[in-house]
Amino acid sequence: MHDALVVVDGRIVRGLQQGRTIGFPTINIAYEGELRAPAGVHAARVTLADGVLNGAAVVGGDFVESVAPKLEVYLLGDTKRERYGELARVELLQQVSELQKIVDVDVLRQKIIADVAAVEKYFS
């Protein structure tokens, strides 16, 4: 069992749905309070109503003044596509890479593939 560095409780909300267009659908977490985690990709454990899944969590991305950092998670092995409105507990376990601004879709897809592989290695 891995100890969490940061724990975030929130509700799954609809995001921009860009991840699903390149094969990596994510859940977006609306949370209250301050997220005390560095921007980047983290190995995460996510507790949902129907079980616990591992995932690749992204902290950051949409930094706008007075808006909290975005938290979204690609759930490893998840087959349920519609989770809007569900409660989720996200435990950030270890950062695997830093946040990078990438505009090229093919470069982004390769970065996500590498990040997911790093998360899978963490859990193996």
Foldseek 3Di string as FASTA:
>chain_A
DFAFPFKFKFFFADDPQPLVVLPFGKTWGDGDDAGPDAFAWFWKWKQWPVGIFIWIWGWADDDDPPDHTIIITRTPPDPDDDRGGTMMMIGGGGGDGHDDDDDDPVVVSVVVVVSRVSSVVVVD
